[in-house]
Amino acid sequence: MSDHHVYKKIEIVGSSKISIENAIENALAECAKSVRNMDWFEVAETRGHIENGKVGHYQVTLKIGFRLSTS
């Protein structure tokens, strides 16, 4: 068994009309379809789109860290 881990970090953007938290959940759910061993995320940016003076949707840029297999 290995006593160390190696990680890779990717950047993705999630969006939602509901909330920032929902944008994060959407991004993680979609990423989990193709990326295994996800361990952590950090919010790099938060922004939104304005429609008629109100929030149209939220966008959140996430950095996702996932473990690479070590032999």
PDB file of N, CA and C in Angstrom:
ATOM      1  N   MET A   1       0.847  -1.187   0.000  1.00  0.00           N
ATOM      2  CA  MET A   1       0.000   0.000   0.000  1.00  0.00           C
ATOM      3  C   MET A   1       0.886   1.243   0.000  1.00  0.00           C
ATOM      4  N   SER A   2       0.535   2.212  -0.781  1.00  0.00           N
ATOM      5  CA  SER A   2       1.295   3.442  -0.898  1.00  0.00           C
ATOM      6  C   SER A   2       1.028   4.350   0.305  1.00  0.00           C
ATOM      7  N   ASP A   3       2.062   5.054   0.751  1.00  0.00           N
ATOM      8  CA  ASP A   3       1.894   5.968   1.874  1.00  0.00           C
ATOM      9  C   ASP A   3       1.862   7.434   1.425  1.00  0.00           C
ATOM     10  N   HIS A   4       1.645   7.655   0.128  1.00  0.00           N
ATOM     11  CA  HIS A   4       1.532   9.018  -0.394  1.00  0.00           C
ATOM     12  C   HIS A   4       0.475   9.061  -1.492  1.00  0.00           C
ATOM     13  N   HIS A   5       0.063  10.255  -1.800  1.00  0.00           N
ATOM     14  CA  HIS A   5      -0.922  10.450  -2.866  1.00  0.00           C
ATOM     15  C   HIS A   5      -0.407  11.507  -3.833  1.00  0.00           C
ATOM     16  N   VAL A   6      -0.820  11.393  -5.072  1.00  0.00           N
ATOM     17  CA  VAL A   6      -0.527  12.392  -6.091  1.00  0.00           C
ATOM     18  C   VAL A   6      -1.871  12.894  -6.602  1.00  0.00           C
ATOM     19  N   TYR A   7      -1.997  14.203  -6.724  1.00  0.00           N
ATOM     20  CA  TYR A   7      -3.258  14.807  -7.126  1.00  0.00           C
ATOM     21  C   TYR A   7      -3.103  15.576  -8.432  1.00  0.00           C
ATOM     22  N   LYS A   8      -4.193  15.674  -9.147  1.00  0.00           N
ATOM     23  CA  LYS A   8      -4.274  16.537 -10.320  1.00  0.00           C
ATOM     24  C   LYS A   8      -5.403  17.522 -10.043  1.00  0.00           C
ATOM     25  N   LYS A   9      -5.284  18.729 -10.592  1.00  0.00           N
ATOM     26  CA  LYS A   9      -6.298  19.746 -10.375  1.00  0.00           C
ATOM     27  C   LYS A   9      -6.818  20.212 -11.729  1.00  0.00           C
ATOM     28  N   ILE A  10      -8.139  20.262 -11.856  1.00  0.00           N
ATOM     29  CA  ILE A  10      -8.766  20.771 -13.067  1.00  0.00           C
ATOM     30  C   ILE A  10      -9.694  21.918 -12.688  1.00  0.00           C
ATOM     31  N   GLU A  11     -10.086  22.699 -13.682  1.00  0.00           N
ATOM     32  CA  GLU A  11     -10.977  23.828 -13.447  1.00  0.00           C
ATOM     33  C   GLU A  11     -12.251  23.633 -14.252  1.00  0.00           C
ATOM     34  N   ILE A  12     -13.389  23.810 -13.590  1.00  0.00           N
ATOM     35  CA  ILE A  12     -14.688  23.685 -14.251  1.00  0.00           C
ATOM     36  C   ILE A  12     -15.570  24.853 -13.820  1.00  0.00           C
ATOM     37  N   VAL A  13     -16.640  25.091 -14.567  1.00  0.00           N
ATOM     38  CA  VAL A  13     -17.586  26.159 -14.238  1.00  0.00           C
ATOM     39  C   VAL A  13     -18.979  25.556 -14.155  1.00  0.00           C
ATOM     40  N   GLY A  14     -19.653  25.791 -13.040  1.00  0.00           N
ATOM     41  CA  GLY A  14     -21.037  25.347 -12.871  1.00  0.00           C
ATOM     42  C   GLY A  14     -21.955  26.558 -12.871  1.00  0.00           C
ATOM     43  N   SER A  15     -23.205  26.336 -13.250  1.00  0.00           N
ATOM     44  CA  SER A  15     -24.162  27.449 -13.238  1.00  0.00           C
ATOM     45  C   SER A  15     -25.506  26.986 -12.691  1.00  0.00           C
ATOM     46  N   SER A  16     -26.279  27.946 -12.235  1.00  0.00           N
ATOM     47  CA  SER A  16     -27.605  27.658 -11.689  1.00  0.00           C
ATOM     48  C   SER A  16     -28.424  28.940 -11.666  1.00  0.00           C
ATOM     49  N   LYS A  17     -29.713  28.805 -11.870  1.00  0.00           N
ATOM     50  CA  LYS A  17     -30.628  29.943 -11.712  1.00  0.00           C
ATOM     51  C   LYS A  17     -31.071  30.077 -10.259  1.00  0.00           C
ATOM     52  N   ILE A  18     -30.769  29.059  -9.440  1.00  0.00           N
ATOM     53  CA  ILE A  18     -31.275  29.012  -8.065  1.00  0.00           C
ATOM     54  C   ILE A  18     -30.338  29.670  -7.055  1.00  0.00           C
ATOM     55  N   SER A  19     -29.052  29.222  -7.024  1.00  0.00           N
ATOM     56  CA  SER A  19     -28.129  29.725  -6.001  1.00  0.00           C
ATOM     57  C   SER A  19     -26.687  29.368  -6.344  1.00  0.00           C
ATOM     58  N   ILE A  20     -25.769  29.979  -5.625  1.00  0.00           N
ATOM     59  CA  ILE A  20     -24.352  29.640  -5.762  1.00  0.00           C
ATOM     60  C   ILE A  20     -24.118  28.192  -5.342  1.00  0.00           C
ATOM     61  N   GLU A  21     -24.733  27.791  -4.245  1.00  0.00           N
ATOM     62  CA  GLU A  21     -24.581  26.414  -3.763  1.00  0.00           C
ATOM     63  C   GLU A  21     -25.068  25.408  -4.809  1.00  0.00           C
ATOM     64  N   ASN A  22     -26.160  25.722  -5.460  1.00  0.00           N
ATOM     65  CA  ASN A  22     -26.698  24.841  -6.490  1.00  0.00           C
ATOM     66  C   ASN A  22     -25.763  24.783  -7.699  1.00  0.00           C
ATOM     67  N   ALA A  23     -25.123  25.894  -8.025  1.00  0.00           N
ATOM     68  CA  ALA A  23     -24.152  25.915  -9.120  1.00  0.00           C
ATOM     69  C   ALA A  23     -22.973  25.000  -8.794  1.00  0.00           C
ATOM     70  N   ILE A  24     -22.535  25.009  -7.535  1.00  0.00           N
ATOM     71  CA  ILE A  24     -21.450  24.118  -7.101  1.00  0.00           C
ATOM     72  C   ILE A  24     -21.890  22.669  -7.219  1.00  0.00           C
ATOM     73  N   GLU A  25     -23.074  22.358  -6.711  1.00  0.00           N
ATOM     74  CA  GLU A  25     -23.594  20.985  -6.768  1.00  0.00           C
ATOM     75  C   GLU A  25     -23.728  20.506  -8.213  1.00  0.00           C
ATOM     76  N   ASN A  26     -24.218  21.360  -9.102  1.00  0.00           N
ATOM     77  CA  ASN A  26     -24.359  20.999 -10.513  1.00  0.00           C
ATOM     78  C   ASN A  26     -23.000  20.672 -11.132  1.00  0.00           C
ATOM     79  N   ALA A  27     -22.009  21.508 -10.839  1.00  0.00           N
ATOM     80  CA  ALA A  27     -20.670  21.298 -11.390  1.00  0.00           C
ATOM     81  C   ALA A  27     -20.074  19.990 -10.884  1.00  0.00           C
ATOM     82  N   LEU A  28     -20.191  19.731  -9.586  1.00  0.00           N
ATOM     83  CA  LEU A  28     -19.628  18.502  -9.019  1.00  0.00           C
ATOM     84  C   LEU A  28     -20.334  17.258  -9.559  1.00  0.00           C
ATOM     85  N   ALA A  29     -21.642  17.319  -9.694  1.00  0.00           N
ATOM     86  CA  ALA A  29     -22.401  16.167 -10.201  1.00  0.00           C
ATOM     87  C   ALA A  29     -22.003  15.841 -11.633  1.00  0.00           C
ATOM     88  N   GLU A  30     -21.845  16.864 -12.450  1.00  0.00           N
ATOM     89  CA  GLU A  30     -21.469  16.627 -13.847  1.00  0.00           C
ATOM     90  C   GLU A  30     -20.031  16.120 -13.940  1.00  0.00           C
ATOM     91  N   CYS A  31     -19.148  16.702 -13.156  1.00  0.00           N
ATOM     92  CA  CYS A  31     -17.738  16.290 -13.158  1.00  0.00           C
ATOM     93  C   CYS A  31     -17.597  14.832 -12.699  1.00  0.00           C
ATOM     94  N   ALA A  32     -18.395  14.433 -11.725  1.00  0.00           N
ATOM     95  CA  ALA A  32     -18.320  13.068 -11.192  1.00  0.00           C
ATOM     96  C   ALA A  32     -18.669  12.008 -12.233  1.00  0.00           C
ATOM     97  N   LYS A  33     -19.335  12.406 -13.312  1.00  0.00           N
ATOM     98  CA  LYS A  33     -19.667  11.456 -14.377  1.00  0.00           C
ATOM     99  C   LYS A  33     -18.429  10.979 -15.130  1.00  0.00           C
ATOM    100  N   SER A  34     -17.359  11.781 -15.127  1.00  0.00           N
ATOM    101  CA  SER A  34     -16.173  11.395 -15.893  1.00  0.00           C
ATOM    102  C   SER A  34     -14.869  11.419 -15.096  1.00  0.00           C
ATOM    103  N   VAL A  35     -14.886  11.973 -13.899  1.00  0.00           N
ATOM    104  CA  VAL A  35     -13.662  12.054 -13.098  1.00  0.00           C
ATOM    105  C   VAL A  35     -13.826  11.206 -11.840  1.00  0.00           C
ATOM    106  N   ARG A  36     -12.870  10.297 -11.639  1.00  0.00           N
ATOM    107  CA  ARG A  36     -12.912   9.448 -10.443  1.00  0.00           C
ATOM    108  C   ARG A  36     -11.991  10.027  -9.372  1.00  0.00           C
ATOM    109  N   ASN A  37     -12.185   9.576  -8.166  1.00  0.00           N
ATOM    110  CA  ASN A  37     -11.331   9.905  -7.020  1.00  0.00           C
ATOM    111  C   ASN A  37     -11.297  11.396  -6.694  1.00  0.00           C
ATOM    112  N   MET A  38     -12.410  12.095  -6.927  1.00  0.00           N
ATOM    113  CA  MET A  38     -12.457  13.507  -6.551  1.00  0.00           C
ATOM    114  C   MET A  38     -12.351  13.589  -5.027  1.00  0.00           C
ATOM    115  N   ASP A  39     -11.463  14.471  -4.544  1.00  0.00           N
ATOM    116  CA  ASP A  39     -11.262  14.595  -3.104  1.00  0.00           C
ATOM    117  C   ASP A  39     -11.634  15.960  -2.544  1.00  0.00           C
ATOM    118  N   TRP A  40     -11.458  17.029  -3.302  1.00  0.00           N
ATOM    119  CA  TRP A  40     -11.716  18.360  -2.769  1.00  0.00           C
ATOM    120  C   TRP A  40     -12.007  19.349  -3.891  1.00  0.00           C
ATOM    121  N   PHE A  41     -12.549  20.490  -3.500  1.00  0.00           N
ATOM    122  CA  PHE A  41     -12.753  21.572  -4.461  1.00  0.00           C
ATOM    123  C   PHE A  41     -12.490  22.895  -3.772  1.00  0.00           C
ATOM    124  N   GLU A  42     -12.168  23.892  -4.561  1.00  0.00           N
ATOM    125  CA  GLU A  42     -12.075  25.252  -4.053  1.00  0.00           C
ATOM    126  C   GLU A  42     -12.819  26.163  -5.019  1.00  0.00           C
ATOM    127  N   VAL A  43     -13.482  27.153  -4.491  1.00  0.00           N
ATOM    128  CA  VAL A  43     -14.187  28.124  -5.323  1.00  0.00           C
ATOM    129  C   VAL A  43     -13.181  29.197  -5.728  1.00  0.00           C
ATOM    130  N   ALA A  44     -12.912  29.278  -7.027  1.00  0.00           N
ATOM    131  CA  ALA A  44     -11.930  30.229  -7.535  1.00  0.00           C
ATOM    132  C   ALA A  44     -12.580  31.565  -7.895  1.00  0.00           C
ATOM    133  N   GLU A  45     -13.795  31.517  -8.441  1.00  0.00           N
ATOM    134  CA  GLU A  45     -14.510  32.733  -8.845  1.00  0.00           C
ATOM    135  C   GLU A  45     -16.006  32.531  -8.662  1.00  0.00           C
ATOM    136  N   THR A  46     -16.670  33.612  -8.366  1.00  0.00           N
ATOM    137  CA  THR A  46     -18.131  33.620  -8.316  1.00  0.00           C
ATOM    138  C   THR A  46     -18.595  34.819  -9.132  1.00  0.00           C
ATOM    139  N   ARG A  47     -19.524  34.578 -10.024  1.00  0.00           N
ATOM    140  CA  ARG A  47     -20.053  35.675 -10.834  1.00  0.00           C
ATOM    141  C   ARG A  47     -21.488  35.322 -11.247  1.00  0.00           C
ATOM    142  N   GLY A  48     -22.127  36.228 -11.908  1.00  0.00           N
ATOM    143  CA  GLY A  48     -23.497  35.965 -12.336  1.00  0.00           C
ATOM    144  C   GLY A  48     -23.860  36.772 -13.561  1.00  0.00           C
ATOM    145  N   HIS A  49     -25.005  36.452 -14.077  1.00  0.00           N
ATOM    146  CA  HIS A  49     -25.551  37.119 -15.246  1.00  0.00           C
ATOM    147  C   HIS A  49     -26.763  37.922 -14.787  1.00  0.00           C
ATOM    148  N   ILE A  50     -26.856  39.163 -15.240  1.00  0.00           N
ATOM    149  CA  ILE A  50     -27.950  40.046 -14.829  1.00  0.00           C
ATOM    150  C   ILE A  50     -28.983  40.126 -15.948  1.00  0.00           C
ATOM    151  N   GLU A  51     -30.235  39.929 -15.570  1.00  0.00           N
ATOM    152  CA  GLU A  51     -31.357  40.061 -16.497  1.00  0.00           C
ATOM    153  C   GLU A  51     -32.394  40.991 -15.884  1.00  0.00           C
ATOM    154  N   ASN A  52     -32.669  42.089 -16.556  1.00  0.00           N
ATOM    155  CA  ASN A  52     -33.674  43.055 -16.081  1.00  0.00           C
ATOM    156  C   ASN A  52     -33.401  43.523 -14.652  1.00  0.00           C
ATOM    157  N   GLY A  53     -32.128  43.755 -14.335  1.00  0.00           N
ATOM    158  CA  GLY A  53     -31.776  44.261 -13.016  1.00  0.00           C
ATOM    159  C   GLY A  53     -31.775  43.235 -11.909  1.00  0.00           C
ATOM    160  N   LYS A  54     -31.957  41.952 -12.248  1.00  0.00           N
ATOM    161  CA  LYS A  54     -31.983  40.879 -11.241  1.00  0.00           C
ATOM    162  C   LYS A  54     -31.016  39.774 -11.646  1.00  0.00           C
ATOM    163  N   VAL A  55     -30.744  38.891 -10.707  1.00  0.00           N
ATOM    164  CA  VAL A  55     -29.860  37.756 -11.004  1.00  0.00           C
ATOM    165  C   VAL A  55     -30.550  36.832 -11.990  1.00  0.00           C
ATOM    166  N   GLY A  56     -29.920  36.633 -13.157  1.00  0.00           N
ATOM    167  CA  GLY A  56     -30.437  35.685 -14.148  1.00  0.00           C
ATOM    168  C   GLY A  56     -29.953  34.284 -13.840  1.00  0.00           C
ATOM    169  N   HIS A  57     -28.656  34.169 -13.570  1.00  0.00           N
ATOM    170  CA  HIS A  57     -28.087  32.911 -13.107  1.00  0.00           C
ATOM    171  C   HIS A  57     -26.727  33.165 -12.484  1.00  0.00           C
ATOM    172  N   TYR A  58     -26.320  32.219 -11.650  1.00  0.00           N
ATOM    173  CA  TYR A  58     -25.038  32.269 -10.960  1.00  0.00           C
ATOM    174  C   TYR A  58     -24.046  31.385 -11.705  1.00  0.00           C
ATOM    175  N   GLN A  59     -22.790  31.789 -11.717  1.00  0.00           N
ATOM    176  CA  GLN A  59     -21.715  30.963 -12.261  1.00  0.00           C
ATOM    177  C   GLN A  59     -20.614  30.873 -11.217  1.00  0.00           C
ATOM    178  N   VAL A  60     -20.096  29.662 -11.018  1.00  0.00           N
ATOM    179  CA  VAL A  60     -19.037  29.439 -10.045  1.00  0.00           C
ATOM    180  C   VAL A  60     -17.926  28.643 -10.715  1.00  0.00           C
ATOM    181  N   THR A  61     -16.712  29.181 -10.672  1.00  0.00           N
ATOM    182  CA  THR A  61     -15.548  28.461 -11.186  1.00  0.00           C
ATOM    183  C   THR A  61     -14.947  27.673 -10.033  1.00  0.00           C
ATOM    184  N   LEU A  62     -14.827  26.367 -10.247  1.00  0.00           N
ATOM    185  CA  LEU A  62     -14.274  25.477  -9.216  1.00  0.00           C
ATOM    186  C   LEU A  62     -12.962  24.873  -9.690  1.00  0.00           C
ATOM    187  N   LYS A  63     -12.065  24.689  -8.762  1.00  0.00           N
ATOM    188  CA  LYS A  63     -10.874  23.881  -9.002  1.00  0.00           C
ATOM    189  C   LYS A  63     -11.109  22.579  -8.257  1.00  0.00           C
ATOM    190  N   ILE A  64     -11.063  21.473  -8.999  1.00  0.00           N
ATOM    191  CA  ILE A  64     -11.347  20.145  -8.451  1.00  0.00           C
ATOM    192  C   ILE A  64     -10.041  19.381  -8.327  1.00  0.00           C
ATOM    193  N   GLY A  65      -9.780  18.863  -7.139  1.00  0.00           N
ATOM    194  CA  GLY A  65      -8.604  18.024  -6.944  1.00  0.00           C
ATOM    195  C   GLY A  65      -9.013  16.569  -6.889  1.00  0.00           C
ATOM    196  N   PHE A  66      -8.298  15.732  -7.643  1.00  0.00           N
ATOM    197  CA  PHE A  66      -8.593  14.299  -7.600  1.00  0.00           C
ATOM    198  C   PHE A  66      -7.295  13.511  -7.559  1.00  0.00           C
ATOM    199  N   ARG A  67      -7.366  12.366  -6.874  1.00  0.00           N
ATOM    200  CA  ARG A  67      -6.211  11.508  -6.691  1.00  0.00           C
ATOM    201  C   ARG A  67      -5.898  10.732  -7.959  1.00  0.00           C
ATOM    202  N   LEU A  68      -4.633  10.718  -8.310  1.00  0.00           N
ATOM    203  CA  LEU A  68      -4.163   9.845  -9.393  1.00  0.00           C
ATOM    204  C   LEU A  68      -3.774   8.517  -8.781  1.00  0.00           C
ATOM    205  N   SER A  69      -3.920   7.443  -9.526  1.00  0.00           N
ATOM    206  CA  SER A  69      -3.530   6.119  -9.025  1.00  0.00           C
ATOM    207  C   SER A  69      -2.029   6.069  -8.855  1.00  0.00           C
ATOM    208  N   THR A  70      -1.601   5.564  -7.719  1.00  0.00           N
ATOM    209  CA  THR A  70      -0.172   5.341  -7.490  1.00  0.00           C
ATOM    210  C   THR A  70       0.032   3.858  -7.258  1.00  0.00           C
ATOM    211  N   SER A  71       1.059   3.320  -7.864  1.00  0.00           N
ATOM    212  CA  SER A  71       1.338   1.890  -7.731  1.00  0.00           C
ATOM    213  C   SER A  71       2.540   1.652  -6.872  1.00  0.00           C
TER     214      SER A  71
END
